[in-house]
Amino acid sequence: MTEEAKIKFKILDAKPVGSNVVNFRLEDGALVKLRVEIERAAVAVDFKNPDGTPHYNIGTGVHISITPPDKTFYVPRSQLKMPPTRPESKMVS
């Protein structure tokens, strides 16, 4: 079995231009927030596209947050982290 040729990439820093958050208001009043991030950006060092332009390798991530119209949500009581309760101290008169 022959080893496949590898392409070398140089990692690039990526900074958003403007905001990386987009908000949408749904018909029922819910607010949807999308946050887009570039998790990895790189350009090929020893390879070009057929038209001669640089070849990029980009990895993205999308984070979705939904706020319901009434701004409420439910969590099972068993998932709440409660501080340990201390026994009542005796009052001295």
PDB file of N, CA and C in Angstrom:
ATOM      1  N   MET A   1       0.835  -1.173   0.000  1.00  0.00           N
ATOM      2  CA  MET A   1       0.000   0.000   0.000  1.00  0.00           C
ATOM      3  C   MET A   1       0.886   1.246   0.000  1.00  0.00           C
ATOM      4  N   THR A   2       0.605   2.201  -0.885  1.00  0.00           N
ATOM      5  CA  THR A   2       1.403   3.418  -0.960  1.00  0.00           C
ATOM      6  C   THR A   2       0.784   4.488  -0.077  1.00  0.00           C
ATOM      7  N   GLU A   3       1.653   5.334   0.455  1.00  0.00           N
ATOM      8  CA  GLU A   3       1.179   6.413   1.313  1.00  0.00           C
ATOM      9  C   GLU A   3       0.700   7.571   0.447  1.00  0.00           C
ATOM     10  N   GLU A   4      -0.446   8.130   0.802  1.00  0.00           N
ATOM     11  CA  GLU A   4      -1.025   9.255   0.066  1.00  0.00           C
ATOM     12  C   GLU A   4      -0.216  10.526   0.332  1.00  0.00           C
ATOM     13  N   ALA A   5      -0.018  11.345  -0.716  1.00  0.00           N
ATOM     14  CA  ALA A   5       0.712  12.603  -0.567  1.00  0.00           C
ATOM     15  C   ALA A   5      -0.036  13.524   0.387  1.00  0.00           C
ATOM     16  N   LYS A   6       0.710  14.226   1.228  1.00  0.00           N
ATOM     17  CA  LYS A   6       0.109  15.133   2.203  1.00  0.00           C
ATOM     18  C   LYS A   6       0.349  16.573   1.785  1.00  0.00           C
ATOM     19  N   ILE A   7      -0.615  17.424   2.119  1.00  0.00           N
ATOM     20  CA  ILE A   7      -0.509  18.854   1.837  1.00  0.00           C
ATOM     21  C   ILE A   7      -0.207  19.560   3.148  1.00  0.00           C
ATOM     22  N   LYS A   8       0.786  20.425   3.137  1.00  0.00           N
ATOM     23  CA  LYS A   8       1.176  21.158   4.333  1.00  0.00           C
ATOM     24  C   LYS A   8       0.344  22.433   4.428  1.00  0.00           C
ATOM     25  N   PHE A   9      -0.170  22.717   5.625  1.00  0.00           N
ATOM     26  CA  PHE A   9      -0.980  23.918   5.851  1.00  0.00           C
ATOM     27  C   PHE A   9      -0.338  24.783   6.918  1.00  0.00           C
ATOM     28  N   LYS A  10      -0.515  26.101   6.767  1.00  0.00           N
ATOM     29  CA  LYS A  10      -0.069  27.068   7.769  1.00  0.00           C
ATOM     30  C   LYS A  10      -1.320  27.567   8.486  1.00  0.00           C
ATOM     31  N   ILE A  11      -1.327  27.475   9.827  1.00  0.00           N
ATOM     32  CA  ILE A  11      -2.471  27.910  10.617  1.00  0.00           C
ATOM     33  C   ILE A  11      -2.545  29.441  10.611  1.00  0.00           C
ATOM     34  N   LEU A  12      -3.759  29.957  10.437  1.00  0.00           N
ATOM     35  CA  LEU A  12      -4.005  31.396  10.396  1.00  0.00           C
ATOM     36  C   LEU A  12      -4.856  31.819  11.590  1.00  0.00           C
ATOM     37  N   ASP A  13      -4.623  33.022  12.091  1.00  0.00           N
ATOM     38  CA  ASP A  13      -5.510  33.605  13.094  1.00  0.00           C
ATOM     39  C   ASP A  13      -6.732  34.144  12.386  1.00  0.00           C
ATOM     40  N   ALA A  14      -7.890  34.042  13.024  1.00  0.00           N
ATOM     41  CA  ALA A  14      -9.128  34.552  12.439  1.00  0.00           C
ATOM     42  C   ALA A  14      -9.821  35.457  13.455  1.00  0.00           C
ATOM     43  N   LYS A  15     -10.176  36.653  13.023  1.00  0.00           N
ATOM     44  CA  LYS A  15     -10.880  37.609  13.874  1.00  0.00           C
ATOM     45  C   LYS A  15     -12.165  38.015  13.168  1.00  0.00           C
ATOM     46  N   PRO A  16     -13.278  38.110  13.914  1.00  0.00           N
ATOM     47  CA  PRO A  16     -14.531  38.525  13.267  1.00  0.00           C
ATOM     48  C   PRO A  16     -14.454  39.985  12.811  1.00  0.00           C
ATOM     49  N   VAL A  17     -15.102  40.265  11.716  1.00  0.00           N
ATOM     50  CA  VAL A  17     -15.250  41.637  11.221  1.00  0.00           C
ATOM     51  C   VAL A  17     -16.693  42.005  11.541  1.00  0.00           C
ATOM     52  N   GLY A  18     -16.886  42.877  12.510  1.00  0.00           N
ATOM     53  CA  GLY A  18     -18.241  43.136  12.984  1.00  0.00           C
ATOM     54  C   GLY A  18     -18.603  42.084  14.019  1.00  0.00           C
ATOM     55  N   SER A  19     -19.879  41.847  14.187  1.00  0.00           N
ATOM     56  CA  SER A  19     -20.357  40.901  15.189  1.00  0.00           C
ATOM     57  C   SER A  19     -20.403  39.487  14.623  1.00  0.00           C
ATOM     58  N   ASN A  20     -20.114  38.501  15.482  1.00  0.00           N
ATOM     59  CA  ASN A  20     -20.243  37.111  15.066  1.00  0.00           C
ATOM     60  C   ASN A  20     -21.547  36.497  15.593  1.00  0.00           C
ATOM     61  N   VAL A  21     -22.467  37.372  16.064  1.00  0.00           N
ATOM     62  CA  VAL A  21     -23.767  36.935  16.585  1.00  0.00           C
ATOM     63  C   VAL A  21     -24.872  37.511  15.713  1.00  0.00           C
ATOM     64  N   VAL A  22     -25.825  36.644  15.348  1.00  0.00           N
ATOM     65  CA  VAL A  22     -27.000  37.071  14.576  1.00  0.00           C
ATOM     66  C   VAL A  22     -28.226  36.687  15.387  1.00  0.00           C
ATOM     67  N   ASN A  23     -29.151  37.629  15.577  1.00  0.00           N
ATOM     68  CA  ASN A  23     -30.376  37.393  16.332  1.00  0.00           C
ATOM     69  C   ASN A  23     -31.569  37.343  15.394  1.00  0.00           C
ATOM     70  N   PHE A  24     -32.484  36.413  15.682  1.00  0.00           N
ATOM     71  CA  PHE A  24     -33.725  36.291  14.918  1.00  0.00           C
ATOM     72  C   PHE A  24     -34.887  36.271  15.905  1.00  0.00           C
ATOM     73  N   ARG A  25     -35.956  36.988  15.599  1.00  0.00           N
ATOM     74  CA  ARG A  25     -37.183  36.933  16.393  1.00  0.00           C
ATOM     75  C   ARG A  25     -38.169  36.072  15.625  1.00  0.00           C
ATOM     76  N   LEU A  26     -38.615  34.983  16.229  1.00  0.00           N
ATOM     77  CA  LEU A  26     -39.560  34.095  15.579  1.00  0.00           C
ATOM     78  C   LEU A  26     -40.987  34.618  15.737  1.00  0.00           C
ATOM     79  N   GLU A  27     -41.862  34.116  14.913  1.00  0.00           N
ATOM     80  CA  GLU A  27     -43.258  34.543  14.897  1.00  0.00           C
ATOM     81  C   GLU A  27     -43.926  34.398  16.262  1.00  0.00           C
ATOM     82  N   ASP A  28     -43.542  33.382  17.037  1.00  0.00           N
ATOM     83  CA  ASP A  28     -44.158  33.166  18.351  1.00  0.00           C
ATOM     84  C   ASP A  28     -43.500  33.990  19.452  1.00  0.00           C
ATOM     85  N   GLY A  29     -42.526  34.840  19.090  1.00  0.00           N
ATOM     86  CA  GLY A  29     -41.873  35.710  20.057  1.00  0.00           C
ATOM     87  C   GLY A  29     -40.551  35.183  20.589  1.00  0.00           C
ATOM     88  N   ALA A  30     -40.211  33.950  20.273  1.00  0.00           N
ATOM     89  CA  ALA A  30     -38.944  33.387  20.734  1.00  0.00           C
ATOM     90  C   ALA A  30     -37.770  34.113  20.076  1.00  0.00           C
ATOM     91  N   LEU A  31     -36.662  34.210  20.809  1.00  0.00           N
ATOM     92  CA  LEU A  31     -35.450  34.835  20.297  1.00  0.00           C
ATOM     93  C   LEU A  31     -34.421  33.748  20.031  1.00  0.00           C
ATOM     94  N   VAL A  32     -33.910  33.688  18.818  1.00  0.00           N
ATOM     95  CA  VAL A  32     -32.885  32.722  18.443  1.00  0.00           C
ATOM     96  C   VAL A  32     -31.592  33.483  18.192  1.00  0.00           C
ATOM     97  N   LYS A  33     -30.538  33.109  18.916  1.00  0.00           N
ATOM     98  CA  LYS A  33     -29.220  33.717  18.731  1.00  0.00           C
ATOM     99  C   LYS A  33     -28.292  32.679  18.127  1.00  0.00           C
ATOM    100  N   LEU A  34     -27.655  33.043  17.041  1.00  0.00           N
ATOM    101  CA  LEU A  34     -26.661  32.191  16.398  1.00  0.00           C
ATOM    102  C   LEU A  34     -25.299  32.859  16.546  1.00  0.00           C
ATOM    103  N   ARG A  35     -24.342  32.124  17.097  1.00  0.00           N
ATOM    104  CA  ARG A  35     -22.975  32.636  17.208  1.00  0.00           C
ATOM    105  C   ARG A  35     -22.099  31.758  16.335  1.00  0.00           C
ATOM    106  N   VAL A  36     -21.430  32.364  15.382  1.00  0.00           N
ATOM    107  CA  VAL A  36     -20.585  31.636  14.439  1.00  0.00           C
ATOM    108  C   VAL A  36     -19.129  31.899  14.781  1.00  0.00           C
ATOM    109  N   GLU A  37     -18.344  30.828  14.799  1.00  0.00           N
ATOM    110  CA  GLU A  37     -16.915  30.955  15.082  1.00  0.00           C
ATOM    111  C   GLU A  37     -16.114  30.168  14.061  1.00  0.00           C
ATOM    112  N   ILE A  38     -14.942  30.665  13.755  1.00  0.00           N
ATOM    113  CA  ILE A  38     -13.988  29.890  12.966  1.00  0.00           C
ATOM    114  C   ILE A  38     -13.103  29.182  13.975  1.00  0.00           C
ATOM    115  N   GLU A  39     -13.236  27.865  14.033  1.00  0.00           N
ATOM    116  CA  GLU A  39     -12.476  27.080  14.994  1.00  0.00           C
ATOM    117  C   GLU A  39     -11.078  26.768  14.491  1.00  0.00           C
ATOM    118  N   ARG A  40     -10.917  26.704  13.166  1.00  0.00           N
ATOM    119  CA  ARG A  40      -9.602  26.446  12.576  1.00  0.00           C
ATOM    120  C   ARG A  40      -9.563  27.100  11.207  1.00  0.00           C
ATOM    121  N   ALA A  41      -8.490  27.801  10.933  1.00  0.00           N
ATOM    122  CA  ALA A  41      -8.283  28.393   9.610  1.00  0.00           C
ATOM    123  C   ALA A  41      -6.833  28.132   9.207  1.00  0.00           C
ATOM    124  N   ALA A  42      -6.658  27.655   7.994  1.00  0.00           N
ATOM    125  CA  ALA A  42      -5.308  27.369   7.512  1.00  0.00           C
ATOM    126  C   ALA A  42      -5.271  27.535   6.003  1.00  0.00           C
ATOM    127  N   VAL A  43      -4.085  27.821   5.499  1.00  0.00           N
ATOM    128  CA  VAL A  43      -3.883  27.949   4.056  1.00  0.00           C
ATOM    129  C   VAL A  43      -2.781  26.974   3.642  1.00  0.00           C
ATOM    130  N   ALA A  44      -2.987  26.327   2.501  1.00  0.00           N
ATOM    131  CA  ALA A  44      -2.005  25.361   2.013  1.00  0.00           C
ATOM    132  C   ALA A  44      -0.717  26.076   1.627  1.00  0.00           C
ATOM    133  N   VAL A  45       0.398  25.499   2.045  1.00  0.00           N
ATOM    134  CA  VAL A  45       1.710  26.080   1.761  1.00  0.00           C
ATOM    135  C   VAL A  45       2.229  25.600   0.413  1.00  0.00           C
ATOM    136  N   ASP A  46       2.026  24.322   0.112  1.00  0.00           N
ATOM    137  CA  ASP A  46       2.605  23.722  -1.089  1.00  0.00           C
ATOM    138  C   ASP A  46       1.550  23.223  -2.080  1.00  0.00           C
ATOM    139  N   PHE A  47       0.398  23.895  -2.096  1.00  0.00           N
ATOM    140  CA  PHE A  47      -0.679  23.485  -2.988  1.00  0.00           C
ATOM    141  C   PHE A  47      -1.537  24.701  -3.317  1.00  0.00           C
ATOM    142  N   LYS A  48      -1.974  24.820  -4.563  1.00  0.00           N
ATOM    143  CA  LYS A  48      -2.876  25.889  -5.010  1.00  0.00           C
ATOM    144  C   LYS A  48      -4.082  25.261  -5.679  1.00  0.00           C
ATOM    145  N   ASN A  49      -5.200  25.991  -5.712  1.00  0.00           N
ATOM    146  CA  ASN A  49      -6.371  25.549  -6.465  1.00  0.00           C
ATOM    147  C   ASN A  49      -6.029  25.534  -7.951  1.00  0.00           C
ATOM    148  N   PRO A  50      -6.784  24.805  -8.777  1.00  0.00           N
ATOM    149  CA  PRO A  50      -6.483  24.750 -10.218  1.00  0.00           C
ATOM    150  C   PRO A  50      -6.424  26.118 -10.891  1.00  0.00           C
ATOM    151  N   ASP A  51      -7.169  27.113 -10.362  1.00  0.00           N
ATOM    152  CA  ASP A  51      -7.134  28.451 -10.965  1.00  0.00           C
ATOM    153  C   ASP A  51      -6.008  29.320 -10.409  1.00  0.00           C
ATOM    154  N   GLY A  52      -5.172  28.742  -9.524  1.00  0.00           N
ATOM    155  CA  GLY A  52      -4.017  29.468  -8.995  1.00  0.00           C
ATOM    156  C   GLY A  52      -4.269  30.186  -7.676  1.00  0.00           C
ATOM    157  N   THR A  53      -5.501  30.180  -7.189  1.00  0.00           N
ATOM    158  CA  THR A  53      -5.809  30.855  -5.926  1.00  0.00           C
ATOM    159  C   THR A  53      -5.395  29.975  -4.749  1.00  0.00           C
ATOM    160  N   PRO A  54      -5.190  30.595  -3.571  1.00  0.00           N
ATOM    161  CA  PRO A  54      -4.802  29.808  -2.394  1.00  0.00           C
ATOM    162  C   PRO A  54      -5.895  28.810  -2.006  1.00  0.00           C
ATOM    163  N   HIS A  55      -5.469  27.683  -1.440  1.00  0.00           N
ATOM    164  CA  HIS A  55      -6.406  26.664  -0.975  1.00  0.00           C
ATOM    165  C   HIS A  55      -6.509  26.763   0.545  1.00  0.00           C
ATOM    166  N   TYR A  56      -7.721  27.043   1.057  1.00  0.00           N
ATOM    167  CA  TYR A  56      -7.942  27.214   2.488  1.00  0.00           C
ATOM    168  C   TYR A  56      -8.633  25.991   3.073  1.00  0.00           C
ATOM    169  N   ASN A  57      -8.332  25.729   4.339  1.00  0.00           N
ATOM    170  CA  ASN A  57      -9.008  24.687   5.102  1.00  0.00           C
ATOM    171  C   ASN A  57      -9.632  25.400   6.297  1.00  0.00           C
ATOM    172  N   ILE A  58     -10.963  25.484   6.326  1.00  0.00           N
ATOM    173  CA  ILE A  58     -11.672  26.238   7.351  1.00  0.00           C
ATOM    174  C   ILE A  58     -12.601  25.304   8.123  1.00  0.00           C
ATOM    175  N   GLY A  59     -12.520  25.366   9.441  1.00  0.00           N
ATOM    176  CA  GLY A  59     -13.434  24.629  10.314  1.00  0.00           C
ATOM    177  C   GLY A  59     -14.290  25.625  11.066  1.00  0.00           C
ATOM    178  N   THR A  60     -15.602  25.447  11.029  1.00  0.00           N
ATOM    179  CA  THR A  60     -16.508  26.403  11.664  1.00  0.00           C
ATOM    180  C   THR A  60     -17.325  25.743  12.768  1.00  0.00           C
ATOM    181  N   GLY A  61     -17.864  26.569  13.635  1.00  0.00           N
ATOM    182  CA  GLY A  61     -18.769  26.113  14.681  1.00  0.00           C
ATOM    183  C   GLY A  61     -19.925  27.081  14.795  1.00  0.00           C
ATOM    184  N   VAL A  62     -21.116  26.542  14.984  1.00  0.00           N
ATOM    185  CA  VAL A  62     -22.313  27.374  15.165  1.00  0.00           C
ATOM    186  C   VAL A  62     -22.923  26.999  16.504  1.00  0.00           C
ATOM    187  N   HIS A  63     -23.131  27.988  17.350  1.00  0.00           N
ATOM    188  CA  HIS A  63     -23.743  27.790  18.654  1.00  0.00           C
ATOM    189  C   HIS A  63     -25.123  28.442  18.634  1.00  0.00           C
ATOM    190  N   ILE A  64     -26.149  27.680  19.018  1.00  0.00           N
ATOM    191  CA  ILE A  64     -27.522  28.162  18.951  1.00  0.00           C
ATOM    192  C   ILE A  64     -28.063  28.315  20.363  1.00  0.00           C
ATOM    193  N   SER A  65     -28.687  29.463  20.623  1.00  0.00           N
ATOM    194  CA  SER A  65     -29.330  29.721  21.904  1.00  0.00           C
ATOM    195  C   SER A  65     -30.744  30.201  21.619  1.00  0.00           C
ATOM    196  N   ILE A  66     -31.721  29.564  22.266  1.00  0.00           N
ATOM    197  CA  ILE A  66     -33.119  29.941  22.053  1.00  0.00           C
ATOM    198  C   ILE A  66     -33.712  30.382  23.386  1.00  0.00           C
ATOM    199  N   THR A  67     -34.290  31.591  23.394  1.00  0.00           N
ATOM    200  CA  THR A  67     -34.985  32.110  24.565  1.00  0.00           C
ATOM    201  C   THR A  67     -36.470  32.117  24.247  1.00  0.00           C
ATOM    202  N   PRO A  68     -37.272  31.332  24.998  1.00  0.00           N
ATOM    203  CA  PRO A  68     -38.703  31.281  24.710  1.00  0.00           C
ATOM    204  C   PRO A  68     -39.376  32.622  25.003  1.00  0.00           C
ATOM    205  N   PRO A  69     -40.564  32.854  24.420  1.00  0.00           N
ATOM    206  CA  PRO A  69     -41.243  34.146  24.595  1.00  0.00           C
ATOM    207  C   PRO A  69     -41.482  34.521  26.050  1.00  0.00           C
ATOM    208  N   ASP A  70     -41.806  33.548  26.903  1.00  0.00           N
ATOM    209  CA  ASP A  70     -42.081  33.868  28.310  1.00  0.00           C
ATOM    210  C   ASP A  70     -40.826  33.838  29.181  1.00  0.00           C
ATOM    211  N   LYS A  71     -39.673  33.585  28.576  1.00  0.00           N
ATOM    212  CA  LYS A  71     -38.367  33.580  29.240  1.00  0.00           C
ATOM    213  C   LYS A  71     -38.323  32.645  30.447  1.00  0.00           C
ATOM    214  N   THR A  72     -38.983  31.499  30.361  1.00  0.00           N
ATOM    215  CA  THR A  72     -38.935  30.522  31.441  1.00  0.00           C
ATOM    216  C   THR A  72     -38.425  29.193  30.900  1.00  0.00           C
ATOM    217  N   PHE A  73     -37.871  28.373  31.801  1.00  0.00           N
ATOM    218  CA  PHE A  73     -37.476  27.019  31.444  1.00  0.00           C
ATOM    219  C   PHE A  73     -37.542  26.170  32.698  1.00  0.00           C
ATOM    220  N   TYR A  74     -37.467  24.877  32.538  1.00  0.00           N
ATOM    221  CA  TYR A  74     -37.599  23.946  33.650  1.00  0.00           C
ATOM    222  C   TYR A  74     -36.359  23.071  33.753  1.00  0.00           C
ATOM    223  N   VAL A  75     -35.970  22.779  35.006  1.00  0.00           N
ATOM    224  CA  VAL A  75     -34.849  21.896  35.291  1.00  0.00           C
ATOM    225  C   VAL A  75     -35.329  20.903  36.347  1.00  0.00           C
ATOM    226  N   PRO A  76     -35.078  19.613  36.146  1.00  0.00           N
ATOM    227  CA  PRO A  76     -35.464  18.655  37.184  1.00  0.00           C
ATOM    228  C   PRO A  76     -34.781  18.987  38.511  1.00  0.00           C
ATOM    229  N   ARG A  77     -35.524  18.861  39.590  1.00  0.00           N
ATOM    230  CA  ARG A  77     -35.006  19.188  40.915  1.00  0.00           C
ATOM    231  C   ARG A  77     -33.722  18.408  41.218  1.00  0.00           C
ATOM    232  N   SER A  78     -33.637  17.187  40.686  1.00  0.00           N
ATOM    233  CA  SER A  78     -32.460  16.342  40.947  1.00  0.00           C
ATOM    234  C   SER A  78     -31.187  16.913  40.318  1.00  0.00           C
ATOM    235  N   GLN A  79     -31.316  17.810  39.359  1.00  0.00           N
ATOM    236  CA  GLN A  79     -30.139  18.388  38.701  1.00  0.00           C
ATOM    237  C   GLN A  79     -29.664  19.678  39.355  1.00  0.00           C
ATOM    238  N   LEU A  80     -30.408  20.197  40.321  1.00  0.00           N
ATOM    239  CA  LEU A  80     -30.002  21.423  41.009  1.00  0.00           C
ATOM    240  C   LEU A  80     -28.923  21.113  42.033  1.00  0.00           C
ATOM    241  N   LYS A  81     -27.906  21.945  42.064  1.00  0.00           N
ATOM    242  CA  LYS A  81     -26.838  21.779  43.043  1.00  0.00           C
ATOM    243  C   LYS A  81     -27.215  22.623  44.263  1.00  0.00           C
ATOM    244  N   MET A  82     -27.636  21.949  45.295  1.00  0.00           N
ATOM    245  CA  MET A  82     -28.072  22.636  46.505  1.00  0.00           C
ATOM    246  C   MET A  82     -26.954  22.563  47.544  1.00  0.00           C
ATOM    247  N   PRO A  83     -26.725  23.651  48.292  1.00  0.00           N
ATOM    248  CA  PRO A  83     -25.722  23.594  49.351  1.00  0.00           C
ATOM    249  C   PRO A  83     -26.224  22.673  50.460  1.00  0.00           C
ATOM    250  N   PRO A  84     -25.304  22.017  51.150  1.00  0.00           N
ATOM    251  CA  PRO A  84     -25.746  21.134  52.236  1.00  0.00           C
ATOM    252  C   PRO A  84     -26.446  21.946  53.319  1.00  0.00           C
ATOM    253  N   THR A  85     -27.494  21.392  53.868  1.00  0.00           N
ATOM    254  CA  THR A  85     -28.236  22.097  54.911  1.00  0.00           C
ATOM    255  C   THR A  85     -27.578  21.838  56.254  1.00  0.00           C
ATOM    256  N   ARG A  86     -27.568  22.874  57.087  1.00  0.00           N
ATOM    257  CA  ARG A  86     -27.009  22.758  58.426  1.00  0.00           C
ATOM    258  C   ARG A  86     -28.148  22.565  59.404  1.00  0.00           C
ATOM    259  N   PRO A  87     -27.957  21.755  60.400  1.00  0.00           N
ATOM    260  CA  PRO A  87     -29.032  21.591  61.381  1.00  0.00           C
ATOM    261  C   PRO A  87     -29.273  22.898  62.103  1.00  0.00           C
ATOM    262  N   GLU A  88     -30.521  23.109  62.496  1.00  0.00           N
ATOM    263  CA  GLU A  88     -30.856  24.351  63.197  1.00  0.00           C
ATOM    264  C   GLU A  88     -30.100  24.431  64.509  1.00  0.00           C
ATOM    265  N   SER A  89     -29.568  25.604  64.776  1.00  0.00           N
ATOM    266  CA  SER A  89     -28.853  25.774  66.039  1.00  0.00           C
ATOM    267  C   SER A  89     -29.873  26.070  67.138  1.00  0.00           C
ATOM    268  N   LYS A  90     -29.551  25.653  68.343  1.00  0.00           N
ATOM    269  CA  LYS A  90     -30.456  25.886  69.464  1.00  0.00           C
ATOM    270  C   LYS A  90     -30.282  27.318  69.942  1.00  0.00           C
ATOM    271  N   MET A  91     -31.387  27.968  70.163  1.00  0.00           N
ATOM    272  CA  MET A  91     -31.342  29.341  70.644  1.00  0.00           C
ATOM    273  C   MET A  91     -31.161  29.334  72.155  1.00  0.00           C
ATOM    274  N   VAL A  92     -30.295  30.166  72.629  1.00  0.00           N
ATOM    275  CA  VAL A  92     -30.056  30.289  74.072  1.00  0.00           C
ATOM    276  C   VAL A  92     -30.718  31.562  74.537  1.00  0.00           C
ATOM    277  N   SER A  93     -31.536  31.447  75.569  1.00  0.00           N
ATOM    278  CA  SER A  93     -32.228  32.632  76.105  1.00  0.00           C
ATOM    279  C   SER A  93     -31.472  33.212  77.249  1.00  0.00           C
TER     280      SER A  93
END
